[in-house]
Amino acid sequence: MVNRGTTSQTIAASSLHLFSQLQKLISAWEECQPKRAMGGKWALSGFEYQFLQTLLRIVRQWKILSS
């Protein structure tokens, strides 16, 4: 039998550790390659914008069709 509480805590701790490592990597990248790091942030924000626009269109279409 699996102890779900322990498993959840282990997964949460593991995720927190991974996030911490990722933050260190991002900081090092920004320090060593500031222009490229900023370009990466702009690129990701563009993808986020496109995703949100698509999601908005889908929800609007769904709302129209379900009325």
PDB file of N, CA and C in Angstrom:
ATOM      1  N   MET A   1       0.845  -1.182   0.000  1.00  0.00           N
ATOM      2  CA  MET A   1       0.000   0.000   0.000  1.00  0.00           C
ATOM      3  C   MET A   1       0.891   1.246   0.000  1.00  0.00           C
ATOM      4  N   VAL A   2       0.507   2.236  -0.760  1.00  0.00           N
ATOM      5  CA  VAL A   2       1.274   3.470  -0.878  1.00  0.00           C
ATOM      6  C   VAL A   2       0.689   4.516   0.057  1.00  0.00           C
ATOM      7  N   ASN A   3       1.552   5.170   0.798  1.00  0.00           N
ATOM      8  CA  ASN A   3       1.120   6.259   1.663  1.00  0.00           C
ATOM      9  C   ASN A   3       1.036   7.520   0.814  1.00  0.00           C
ATOM     10  N   ARG A   4      -0.189   7.920   0.498  1.00  0.00           N
ATOM     11  CA  ARG A   4      -0.381   9.049  -0.422  1.00  0.00           C
ATOM     12  C   ARG A   4       0.179  10.354   0.125  1.00  0.00           C
ATOM     13  N   GLY A   5       0.089  10.570   1.430  1.00  0.00           N
ATOM     14  CA  GLY A   5       0.618  11.788   2.026  1.00  0.00           C
ATOM     15  C   GLY A   5       2.121  11.882   1.843  1.00  0.00           C
ATOM     16  N   THR A   6       2.808  10.796   2.100  1.00  0.00           N
ATOM     17  CA  THR A   6       4.260  10.768   1.936  1.00  0.00           C
ATOM     18  C   THR A   6       4.643  10.935   0.479  1.00  0.00           C
ATOM     19  N   THR A   7       3.919  10.269  -0.412  1.00  0.00           N
ATOM     20  CA  THR A   7       4.193  10.373  -1.840  1.00  0.00           C
ATOM     21  C   THR A   7       3.994  11.807  -2.322  1.00  0.00           C
ATOM     22  N   SER A   8       2.927  12.453  -1.880  1.00  0.00           N
ATOM     23  CA  SER A   8       2.657  13.835  -2.272  1.00  0.00           C
ATOM     24  C   SER A   8       3.750  14.766  -1.776  1.00  0.00           C
ATOM     25  N   GLN A   9       4.196  14.555  -0.552  1.00  0.00           N
ATOM     26  CA  GLN A   9       5.256  15.392   0.012  1.00  0.00           C
ATOM     27  C   GLN A   9       6.563  15.185  -0.744  1.00  0.00           C
ATOM     28  N   THR A  10       6.847  13.945  -1.104  1.00  0.00           N
ATOM     29  CA  THR A  10       8.071  13.635  -1.843  1.00  0.00           C
ATOM     30  C   THR A  10       8.048  14.308  -3.211  1.00  0.00           C
ATOM     31  N   ILE A  11       6.909  14.227  -3.891  1.00  0.00           N
ATOM     32  CA  ILE A  11       6.773  14.860  -5.208  1.00  0.00           C
ATOM     33  C   ILE A  11       6.901  16.372  -5.078  1.00  0.00           C
ATOM     34  N   ALA A  12       6.274  16.953  -4.063  1.00  0.00           N
ATOM     35  CA  ALA A  12       6.347  18.400  -3.859  1.00  0.00           C
ATOM     36  C   ALA A  12       7.780  18.831  -3.575  1.00  0.00           C
ATOM     37  N   ALA A  13       8.478  18.091  -2.732  1.00  0.00           N
ATOM     38  CA  ALA A  13       9.873  18.427  -2.406  1.00  0.00           C
ATOM     39  C   ALA A  13      10.758  18.296  -3.644  1.00  0.00           C
ATOM     40  N   SER A  14      10.520  17.262  -4.425  1.00  0.00           N
ATOM     41  CA  SER A  14      11.286  17.047  -5.645  1.00  0.00           C
ATOM     42  C   SER A  14      11.039  18.173  -6.640  1.00  0.00           C
ATOM     43  N   SER A  15       9.800  18.589  -6.781  1.00  0.00           N
ATOM     44  CA  SER A  15       9.451  19.684  -7.691  1.00  0.00           C
ATOM     45  C   SER A  15      10.074  20.991  -7.228  1.00  0.00           C
ATOM     46  N   LEU A  16      10.065  21.225  -5.926  1.00  0.00           N
ATOM     47  CA  LEU A  16      10.656  22.441  -5.375  1.00  0.00           C
ATOM     48  C   LEU A  16      12.164  22.460  -5.633  1.00  0.00           C
ATOM     49  N   HIS A  17      12.818  21.314  -5.460  1.00  0.00           N
ATOM     50  CA  HIS A  17      14.249  21.205  -5.719  1.00  0.00           C
ATOM     51  C   HIS A  17      14.547  21.472  -7.202  1.00  0.00           C
ATOM     52  N   LEU A  18      13.755  20.895  -8.075  1.00  0.00           N
ATOM     53  CA  LEU A  18      13.934  21.090  -9.512  1.00  0.00           C
ATOM     54  C   LEU A  18      13.742  22.563  -9.878  1.00  0.00           C
ATOM     55  N   PHE A  19      12.725  23.196  -9.299  1.00  0.00           N
ATOM     56  CA  PHE A  19      12.464  24.615  -9.553  1.00  0.00           C
ATOM     57  C   PHE A  19      13.644  25.463  -9.084  1.00  0.00           C
ATOM     58  N   SER A  20      14.192  25.129  -7.930  1.00  0.00           N
ATOM     59  CA  SER A  20      15.339  25.850  -7.394  1.00  0.00           C
ATOM     60  C   SER A  20      16.545  25.735  -8.330  1.00  0.00           C
ATOM     61  N   GLN A  21      16.791  24.537  -8.831  1.00  0.00           N
ATOM     62  CA  GLN A  21      17.889  24.327  -9.767  1.00  0.00           C
ATOM     63  C   GLN A  21      17.659  25.111 -11.060  1.00  0.00           C
ATOM     64  N   LEU A  22      16.435  25.127 -11.529  1.00  0.00           N
ATOM     65  CA  LEU A  22      16.100  25.860 -12.746  1.00  0.00           C
ATOM     66  C   LEU A  22      16.327  27.353 -12.556  1.00  0.00           C
ATOM     67  N   GLN A  23      15.939  27.880 -11.400  1.00  0.00           N
ATOM     68  CA  GLN A  23      16.158  29.304 -11.112  1.00  0.00           C
ATOM     69  C   GLN A  23      17.647  29.633 -11.116  1.00  0.00           C
ATOM     70  N   LYS A  24      18.468  28.767 -10.560  1.00  0.00           N
ATOM     71  CA  LYS A  24      19.919  28.990 -10.558  1.00  0.00           C
ATOM     72  C   LYS A  24      20.453  29.002 -11.985  1.00  0.00           C
ATOM     73  N   LEU A  25      19.979  28.085 -12.802  1.00  0.00           N
ATOM     74  CA  LEU A  25      20.407  28.022 -14.198  1.00  0.00           C
ATOM     75  C   LEU A  25      20.003  29.286 -14.961  1.00  0.00           C
ATOM     76  N   ILE A  26      18.790  29.735 -14.751  1.00  0.00           N
ATOM     77  CA  ILE A  26      18.301  30.953 -15.412  1.00  0.00           C
ATOM     78  C   ILE A  26      19.135  32.158 -14.984  1.00  0.00           C
ATOM     79  N   SER A  27      19.420  32.261 -13.702  1.00  0.00           N
ATOM     80  CA  SER A  27      20.229  33.383 -13.207  1.00  0.00           C
ATOM     81  C   SER A  27      21.624  33.378 -13.823  1.00  0.00           C
ATOM     82  N   ALA A  28      22.226  32.195 -13.899  1.00  0.00           N
ATOM     83  CA  ALA A  28      23.562  32.084 -14.494  1.00  0.00           C
ATOM     84  C   ALA A  28      23.524  32.473 -15.972  1.00  0.00           C
ATOM     85  N   TRP A  29      22.500  32.036 -16.679  1.00  0.00           N
ATOM     86  CA  TRP A  29      22.352  32.362 -18.103  1.00  0.00           C
ATOM     87  C   TRP A  29      22.185  33.869 -18.288  1.00  0.00           C
ATOM     88  N   GLU A  30      21.348  34.479 -17.443  1.00  0.00           N
ATOM     89  CA  GLU A  30      21.126  35.923 -17.543  1.00  0.00           C
ATOM     90  C   GLU A  30      22.413  36.704 -17.262  1.00  0.00           C
ATOM     91  N   GLU A  31      23.214  36.209 -16.347  1.00  0.00           N
ATOM     92  CA  GLU A  31      24.472  36.885 -16.004  1.00  0.00           C
ATOM     93  C   GLU A  31      25.497  36.753 -17.134  1.00  0.00           C
ATOM     94  N   CYS A  32      25.603  35.564 -17.711  1.00  0.00           N
ATOM     95  CA  CYS A  32      26.610  35.310 -18.753  1.00  0.00           C
ATOM     96  C   CYS A  32      26.181  35.794 -20.142  1.00  0.00           C
ATOM     97  N   GLN A  33      24.892  35.700 -20.431  1.00  0.00           N
ATOM     98  CA  GLN A  33      24.378  36.029 -21.765  1.00  0.00           C
ATOM     99  C   GLN A  33      23.123  36.915 -21.640  1.00  0.00           C
ATOM    100  N   PRO A  34      23.259  38.141 -21.148  1.00  0.00           N
ATOM    101  CA  PRO A  34      22.065  38.962 -20.892  1.00  0.00           C
ATOM    102  C   PRO A  34      21.202  39.231 -22.131  1.00  0.00           C
ATOM    103  N   LYS A  35      21.834  39.477 -23.282  1.00  0.00           N
ATOM    104  CA  LYS A  35      21.046  39.773 -24.491  1.00  0.00           C
ATOM    105  C   LYS A  35      20.279  38.543 -24.961  1.00  0.00           C
ATOM    106  N   ARG A  36      20.948  37.397 -24.948  1.00  0.00           N
ATOM    107  CA  ARG A  36      20.276  36.160 -25.365  1.00  0.00           C
ATOM    108  C   ARG A  36      19.181  35.770 -24.383  1.00  0.00           C
ATOM    109  N   ALA A  37      19.440  35.975 -23.101  1.00  0.00           N
ATOM    110  CA  ALA A  37      18.425  35.659 -22.089  1.00  0.00           C
ATOM    111  C   ALA A  37      17.177  36.520 -22.303  1.00  0.00           C
ATOM    112  N   MET A  38      17.392  37.801 -22.592  1.00  0.00           N
ATOM    113  CA  MET A  38      16.248  38.692 -22.839  1.00  0.00           C
ATOM    114  C   MET A  38      15.516  38.286 -24.115  1.00  0.00           C
ATOM    115  N   GLY A  39      16.273  37.897 -25.135  1.00  0.00           N
ATOM    116  CA  GLY A  39      15.643  37.436 -26.372  1.00  0.00           C
ATOM    117  C   GLY A  39      14.791  36.201 -26.138  1.00  0.00           C
ATOM    118  N   GLY A  40      15.275  35.304 -25.295  1.00  0.00           N
ATOM    119  CA  GLY A  40      14.500  34.114 -24.957  1.00  0.00           C
ATOM    120  C   GLY A  40      13.206  34.462 -24.241  1.00  0.00           C
ATOM    121  N   LYS A  41      13.287  35.431 -23.344  1.00  0.00           N
ATOM    122  CA  LYS A  41      12.076  35.863 -22.618  1.00  0.00           C
ATOM    123  C   LYS A  41      11.058  36.474 -23.580  1.00  0.00           C
ATOM    124  N   TRP A  42      11.549  37.278 -24.538  1.00  0.00           N
ATOM    125  CA  TRP A  42      10.635  37.873 -25.526  1.00  0.00           C
ATOM    126  C   TRP A  42       9.991  36.785 -26.389  1.00  0.00           C
ATOM    127  N   ALA A  43      10.797  35.792 -26.774  1.00  0.00           N
ATOM    128  CA  ALA A  43      10.263  34.707 -27.605  1.00  0.00           C
ATOM    129  C   ALA A  43       9.176  33.941 -26.851  1.00  0.00           C
ATOM    130  N   LEU A  44       9.435  33.629 -25.592  1.00  0.00           N
ATOM    131  CA  LEU A  44       8.442  32.898 -24.795  1.00  0.00           C
ATOM    132  C   LEU A  44       7.176  33.717 -24.578  1.00  0.00           C
ATOM    133  N   SER A  45       7.334  35.017 -24.389  1.00  0.00           N
ATOM    134  CA  SER A  45       6.136  35.843 -24.202  1.00  0.00           C
ATOM    135  C   SER A  45       5.307  35.884 -25.480  1.00  0.00           C
ATOM    136  N   GLY A  46       5.977  35.817 -26.631  1.00  0.00           N
ATOM    137  CA  GLY A  46       5.246  35.767 -27.906  1.00  0.00           C
ATOM    138  C   GLY A  46       4.448  34.481 -28.046  1.00  0.00           C
ATOM    139  N   PHE A  47       5.050  33.364 -27.646  1.00  0.00           N
ATOM    140  CA  PHE A  47       4.334  32.088 -27.691  1.00  0.00           C
ATOM    141  C   PHE A  47       3.145  32.107 -26.733  1.00  0.00           C
ATOM    142  N   GLU A  48       3.344  32.703 -25.559  1.00  0.00           N
ATOM    143  CA  GLU A  48       2.253  32.787 -24.583  1.00  0.00           C
ATOM    144  C   GLU A  48       1.102  33.620 -25.161  1.00  0.00           C
ATOM    145  N   TYR A  49       1.434  34.725 -25.795  1.00  0.00           N
ATOM    146  CA  TYR A  49       0.418  35.590 -26.399  1.00  0.00           C
ATOM    147  C   TYR A  49      -0.370  34.825 -27.468  1.00  0.00           C
ATOM    148  N   GLN A  50       0.342  34.118 -28.336  1.00  0.00           N
ATOM    149  CA  GLN A  50      -0.331  33.350 -29.390  1.00  0.00           C
ATOM    150  C   GLN A  50      -1.242  32.280 -28.788  1.00  0.00           C
ATOM    151  N   PHE A  51      -0.763  31.607 -27.754  1.00  0.00           N
ATOM    152  CA  PHE A  51      -1.572  30.574 -27.098  1.00  0.00           C
ATOM    153  C   PHE A  51      -2.839  31.178 -26.507  1.00  0.00           C
ATOM    154  N   LEU A  52      -2.693  32.301 -25.801  1.00  0.00           N
ATOM    155  CA  LEU A  52      -3.856  32.926 -25.169  1.00  0.00           C
ATOM    156  C   LEU A  52      -4.855  33.437 -26.196  1.00  0.00           C
ATOM    157  N   GLN A  53      -4.373  33.961 -27.321  1.00  0.00           N
ATOM    158  CA  GLN A  53      -5.272  34.408 -28.387  1.00  0.00           C
ATOM    159  C   GLN A  53      -6.057  33.225 -28.956  1.00  0.00           C
ATOM    160  N   THR A  54      -5.380  32.120 -29.174  1.00  0.00           N
ATOM    161  CA  THR A  54      -6.036  30.918 -29.701  1.00  0.00           C
ATOM    162  C   THR A  54      -7.057  30.387 -28.705  1.00  0.00           C
ATOM    163  N   LEU A  55      -6.670  30.339 -27.437  1.00  0.00           N
ATOM    164  CA  LEU A  55      -7.590  29.874 -26.400  1.00  0.00           C
ATOM    165  C   LEU A  55      -8.825  30.764 -26.327  1.00  0.00           C
ATOM    166  N   LEU A  56      -8.639  32.070 -26.425  1.00  0.00           N
ATOM    167  CA  LEU A  56      -9.766  33.003 -26.403  1.00  0.00           C
ATOM    168  C   LEU A  56     -10.713  32.747 -27.574  1.00  0.00           C
ATOM    169  N   ARG A  57     -10.158  32.542 -28.770  1.00  0.00           N
ATOM    170  CA  ARG A  57     -11.002  32.246 -29.939  1.00  0.00           C
ATOM    171  C   ARG A  57     -11.788  30.953 -29.754  1.00  0.00           C
ATOM    172  N   ILE A  58     -11.149  29.944 -29.214  1.00  0.00           N
ATOM    173  CA  ILE A  58     -11.819  28.655 -28.992  1.00  0.00           C
ATOM    174  C   ILE A  58     -12.961  28.809 -27.998  1.00  0.00           C
ATOM    175  N   VAL A  59     -12.711  29.512 -26.908  1.00  0.00           N
ATOM    176  CA  VAL A  59     -13.749  29.701 -25.884  1.00  0.00           C
ATOM    177  C   VAL A  59     -14.910  30.521 -26.438  1.00  0.00           C
ATOM    178  N   ARG A  60     -14.592  31.552 -27.192  1.00  0.00           N
ATOM    179  CA  ARG A  60     -15.674  32.367 -27.796  1.00  0.00           C
ATOM    180  C   ARG A  60     -16.521  31.535 -28.757  1.00  0.00           C
ATOM    181  N   GLN A  61     -15.864  30.719 -29.578  1.00  0.00           N
ATOM    182  CA  GLN A  61     -16.588  29.869 -30.524  1.00  0.00           C
ATOM    183  C   GLN A  61     -17.452  28.846 -29.781  1.00  0.00           C
ATOM    184  N   TRP A  62     -16.892  28.256 -28.727  1.00  0.00           N
ATOM    185  CA  TRP A  62     -17.629  27.287 -27.923  1.00  0.00           C
ATOM    186  C   TRP A  62     -18.852  27.946 -27.292  1.00  0.00           C
ATOM    187  N   LYS A  63     -18.685  29.181 -26.798  1.00  0.00           N
ATOM    188  CA  LYS A  63     -19.788  29.895 -26.180  1.00  0.00           C
ATOM    189  C   LYS A  63     -20.899  30.156 -27.200  1.00  0.00           C
ATOM    190  N   ILE A  64     -20.529  30.546 -28.404  1.00  0.00           N
ATOM    191  CA  ILE A  64     -21.516  30.798 -29.456  1.00  0.00           C
ATOM    192  C   ILE A  64     -22.266  29.512 -29.806  1.00  0.00           C
ATOM    193  N   LEU A  65     -21.534  28.419 -29.965  1.00  0.00           N
ATOM    194  CA  LEU A  65     -22.147  27.150 -30.355  1.00  0.00           C
ATOM    195  C   LEU A  65     -23.004  26.547 -29.251  1.00  0.00           C
ATOM    196  N   SER A  66     -22.675  26.832 -27.997  1.00  0.00           N
ATOM    197  CA  SER A  66     -23.450  26.234 -26.905  1.00  0.00           C
ATOM    198  C   SER A  66     -24.668  27.069 -26.532  1.00  0.00           C
ATOM    199  N   SER A  67     -24.845  28.241 -27.147  1.00  0.00           N
ATOM    200  CA  SER A  67     -26.008  29.109 -26.850  1.00  0.00           C
ATOM    201  C   SER A  67     -27.245  28.636 -27.554  1.00  0.00           C
TER     202      SER A  67
END
